[in-house]
Amino acid sequence: MNSIVKLSAQITRIEATALKVLVASVLLLMVVNVAARALNSSLYWADELAINLMVIFAFIGSSLMFAQRRNFAVTLVSDAVSEKNRRRMSIFVQCVNVLFALFLAYATWLWFDPLTLARNGFQLQGFFEETYNSIYQEATNTIGVRRVWFFLVMPLFAFTLLVHSTACLIQDIRAETTLGTPK
C-alpha cells in the first residue's frame, strides 16, 4: 500500500517537471510564430504543435491536480457535515475516481486495440480494414506526424489517474492528510 503512495509521489514530481517543459515549449512556439507572422511568414505547423502540446498539458495537469487534491469541487455539502462524514464522502469520491480511471483504461484499450493490431502482424492497413479504426494511420495536417503519438497521453492519463486516485483513497482510509486537505 505504501508503494502506491510512493509511486504517486514520484509520478507527481515527473508530471510537475513535464508541465514546466510543456509550458515553456508552447510559449516558445507562440513567440516564434508571432515573430514569423510579423515578418509575413506564418508557421502553421507551430500553431498545430502548440495546440497538441496544450492538450497533452491539460491531461498531465489534470492528473497532477488529482494527485494534489486541487481539482475543482463543490464543497457546500462537505463543509456542512461532521468530520467523520466528510471523510466518508472523500472516500466515496476517491472510489468514483478509481472506477473512472479503470473505465478510462478500458476505453483506451478498446480504442487502441493492441491485440487486433498484433493479430494483423502490426500491419496498419489490415488493422483498419478489420476494425475501421484509423488511430494508427491519421496524420496531423501540417506537422505530418501520426496523431497516435499525441493520443498516447490517454493511456498515460488513465494510468496516472489510477495511481493517484488509489493513493488518495489509501490516505483517506488511513485518515492521513496531504497538502493541507482535512482528515
Protein backbone atom coordinates (compact mmCIF):
# COMPACT_ATOMS: atom_id res chain seq x y z
CA MET A 1 0.00 0.00 0.00
CA ASN A 2 2.80 2.42 0.82
CA SER A 3 4.38 1.61 -2.54
CA ILE A 4 1.35 3.08 -4.36
CA VAL A 5 1.56 6.27 -2.32
CA LYS A 6 5.30 6.49 -3.04
CA LEU A 7 4.75 5.80 -6.75
CA SER A 8 2.13 8.55 -6.81
CA ALA A 9 4.62 10.98 -5.26
CA GLN A 10 7.27 10.05 -7.83
CA ILE A 11 4.83 10.45 -10.72
CA THR A 12 3.77 13.81 -9.28
CA ARG A 13 7.35 15.08 -9.44
CA ILE A 14 7.72 13.88 -13.04
CA GLU A 15 4.40 15.47 -14.02
CA ALA A 16 5.39 18.81 -12.48
CA THR A 17 8.63 18.81 -14.47
CA ALA A 18 6.85 17.75 -17.67
CA LEU A 19 4.34 20.58 -17.23
CA LYS A 20 7.13 23.13 -16.94
CA VAL A 21 8.71 21.83 -20.15
CA LEU A 22 5.36 21.83 -21.97
CA VAL A 23 4.50 25.38 -20.87
CA ALA A 24 7.92 26.61 -21.97
CA SER A 25 7.56 24.80 -25.31
CA VAL A 26 4.12 26.25 -26.00
CA LEU A 27 5.32 29.73 -25.05
CA LEU A 28 8.36 29.38 -27.31
CA LEU A 29 6.22 28.15 -30.22
CA MET A 30 3.85 31.09 -29.81
CA VAL A 31 6.64 33.66 -29.64
CA VAL A 32 8.35 32.19 -32.70
CA ASN A 33 5.09 32.14 -34.62
CA VAL A 34 4.24 35.74 -33.67
CA ALA A 35 7.70 36.83 -34.80
CA ALA A 36 7.30 34.90 -38.06
CA ARG A 37 3.90 36.48 -38.69
CA ALA A 38 5.39 39.92 -38.09
CA LEU A 39 7.76 39.07 -40.94
CA ASN A 40 4.81 37.96 -43.15
CA SER A 41 5.74 34.28 -42.87
CA SER A 42 3.28 32.30 -40.79
CA LEU A 43 4.38 28.96 -39.36
CA TYR A 44 1.18 26.90 -39.47
CA TRP A 45 2.88 23.86 -38.02
CA ALA A 46 3.74 25.87 -34.89
CA ASP A 47 0.04 26.50 -34.23
CA GLU A 48 -0.85 22.85 -34.66
CA LEU A 49 2.02 21.66 -32.49
CA ALA A 50 1.15 24.20 -29.79
CA ILE A 51 -2.47 23.03 -29.77
CA ASN A 52 -1.46 19.37 -29.46
CA LEU A 53 1.02 20.19 -26.69
CA MET A 54 -1.69 22.14 -24.84
CA VAL A 55 -3.98 19.09 -24.96
CA ILE A 56 -1.19 16.94 -23.53
CA PHE A 57 -0.57 19.69 -20.97
CA ALA A 58 -4.24 19.57 -19.94
CA PHE A 59 -4.21 15.81 -19.32
CA ILE A 60 -0.93 15.84 -17.40
CA GLY A 61 -2.06 18.89 -15.43
CA SER A 62 -5.36 17.23 -14.60
CA SER A 63 -3.56 14.16 -13.32
CA LEU A 64 -1.31 16.36 -11.19
CA MET A 65 -4.34 18.18 -9.79
CA PHE A 66 -5.90 14.86 -8.77
CA ALA A 67 -2.67 13.88 -7.02
CA GLN A 68 -2.52 17.18 -5.15
CA ARG A 69 -6.28 17.22 -4.49
CA ARG A 70 -6.57 20.59 -6.17
CA ASN A 71 -9.30 19.65 -8.61
CA PHE A 72 -12.47 21.71 -8.67
CA ALA A 73 -15.06 20.71 -6.12
CA VAL A 74 -18.35 21.95 -4.78
CA THR A 75 -17.95 21.86 -1.02
CA LEU A 76 -21.39 23.09 0.03
CA VAL A 77 -22.35 19.70 1.48
CA SER A 78 -18.93 18.59 2.73
CA ASP A 79 -18.44 21.87 4.61
CA ALA A 80 -21.76 21.38 6.42
CA VAL A 81 -21.20 17.84 7.69
CA SER A 82 -19.14 16.39 10.51
CA GLU A 83 -15.51 15.43 10.12
CA LYS A 84 -16.42 11.74 10.10
CA ASN A 85 -18.95 12.20 7.29
CA ARG A 86 -16.53 14.43 5.36
CA ARG A 87 -14.00 11.60 5.47
CA ARG A 88 -16.65 9.13 4.25
CA MET A 89 -17.54 11.47 1.40
CA SER A 90 -13.89 11.78 0.45
CA ILE A 91 -13.51 8.00 0.41
CA PHE A 92 -16.60 7.73 -1.80
CA VAL A 93 -15.24 10.37 -4.21
CA GLN A 94 -11.89 8.58 -4.43
CA CYS A 95 -13.69 5.30 -5.15
CA VAL A 96 -15.54 7.04 -8.00
CA ASN A 97 -12.20 8.40 -9.26
CA VAL A 98 -10.68 4.90 -9.22
CA LEU A 99 -13.67 3.50 -11.08
CA PHE A 100 -13.43 6.30 -13.65
CA ALA A 101 -9.71 5.63 -14.13
CA LEU A 102 -10.43 1.93 -14.67
CA PHE A 103 -13.18 2.76 -17.17
CA LEU A 104 -10.85 5.16 -18.98
CA ALA A 105 -8.14 2.49 -19.13
CA TYR A 106 -10.65 0.03 -20.55
CA ALA A 107 -11.98 2.53 -23.11
CA THR A 108 -8.42 3.40 -24.14
CA TRP A 109 -7.63 -0.32 -24.52
CA LEU A 110 -10.63 -0.69 -26.82
CA TRP A 111 -9.65 2.42 -28.78
CA PHE A 112 -6.02 1.41 -29.33
CA ASP A 113 -6.98 -2.28 -29.69
CA PRO A 114 -3.43 -3.63 -29.43
CA LEU A 115 -4.50 -7.28 -29.65
CA THR A 116 -6.12 -6.81 -33.05
CA LEU A 117 -3.11 -4.81 -34.20
CA ALA A 118 -0.79 -7.64 -33.15
CA ARG A 119 -3.09 -10.25 -34.72
CA ASN A 120 -2.73 -8.35 -38.01
CA GLY A 121 1.06 -8.51 -37.73
CA PHE A 122 1.23 -4.78 -36.93
CA GLN A 123 0.06 -4.06 -40.48
CA LEU A 124 -1.88 -0.82 -40.21
CA GLN A 125 -3.98 -1.34 -43.34
CA GLY A 126 -5.09 -4.78 -42.19
CA PHE A 127 -5.94 -3.37 -38.77
CA PHE A 128 -8.01 -0.59 -40.38
CA GLU A 129 -9.83 -2.99 -42.71
CA GLU A 130 -10.81 -5.22 -39.78
CA THR A 131 -11.76 -2.53 -37.27
CA TYR A 132 -12.40 0.69 -39.27
CA ASN A 133 -10.22 2.31 -36.62
CA SER A 134 -7.69 4.70 -38.16
CA ILE A 135 -5.99 5.69 -34.91
CA TYR A 136 -2.61 4.49 -36.12
CA GLN A 137 -2.90 5.97 -39.62
CA GLU A 138 -4.20 9.50 -39.07
CA ALA A 139 -1.57 12.17 -39.55
CA THR A 140 -1.60 15.78 -38.42
CA ASN A 141 -2.32 18.33 -41.14
CA THR A 142 0.80 20.47 -41.06
CA ILE A 143 3.32 18.60 -38.93
CA GLY A 144 2.93 15.30 -40.76
CA VAL A 145 3.28 13.26 -37.56
CA ARG A 146 0.86 10.44 -36.82
CA ARG A 147 -1.76 11.51 -34.30
CA VAL A 148 -1.27 8.33 -32.29
CA TRP A 149 1.84 9.90 -30.75
CA PHE A 150 -0.35 12.63 -29.29
CA PHE A 151 -3.13 10.18 -28.39
CA LEU A 152 -0.71 8.22 -26.19
CA VAL A 153 -1.43 10.75 -23.46
CA MET A 154 -4.75 8.95 -22.89
CA PRO A 155 -3.39 5.61 -21.60
CA LEU A 156 -0.77 7.56 -19.66
CA PHE A 157 -3.50 9.67 -18.08
CA ALA A 158 -5.57 6.59 -17.26
CA PHE A 159 -2.58 5.01 -15.53
CA THR A 160 -1.52 8.10 -13.57
CA LEU A 161 -5.11 8.87 -12.58
CA LEU A 162 -5.50 5.31 -11.31
CA VAL A 163 -2.28 5.55 -9.28
CA HIS A 164 -3.10 8.98 -7.84
CA SER A 165 -6.72 8.12 -7.03
CA THR A 166 -5.70 4.85 -5.39
CA ALA A 167 -3.05 6.68 -3.35
CA CYS A 168 -5.59 9.29 -2.25
CA LEU A 169 -8.06 6.54 -1.36
CA ILE A 170 -5.43 4.78 0.75
CA GLN A 171 -4.61 8.06 2.51
CA ASP A 172 -8.30 8.75 3.15
CA ILE A 173 -8.87 5.29 4.55
CA ARG A 174 -5.86 5.74 6.83
CA ALA A 175 -7.12 9.25 7.67
CA GLU A 176 -3.83 10.82 6.58
CA THR A 177 -3.61 14.41 5.43
CA THR A 178 -1.95 15.52 2.20
CA LEU A 179 -1.19 19.04 1.03
CA GLY A 180 -3.36 20.69 3.64
CA THR A 181 -6.51 18.70 2.99
CA PRO A 182 -8.57 17.92 6.07
CA LYS A 183 -8.54 14.49 7.72
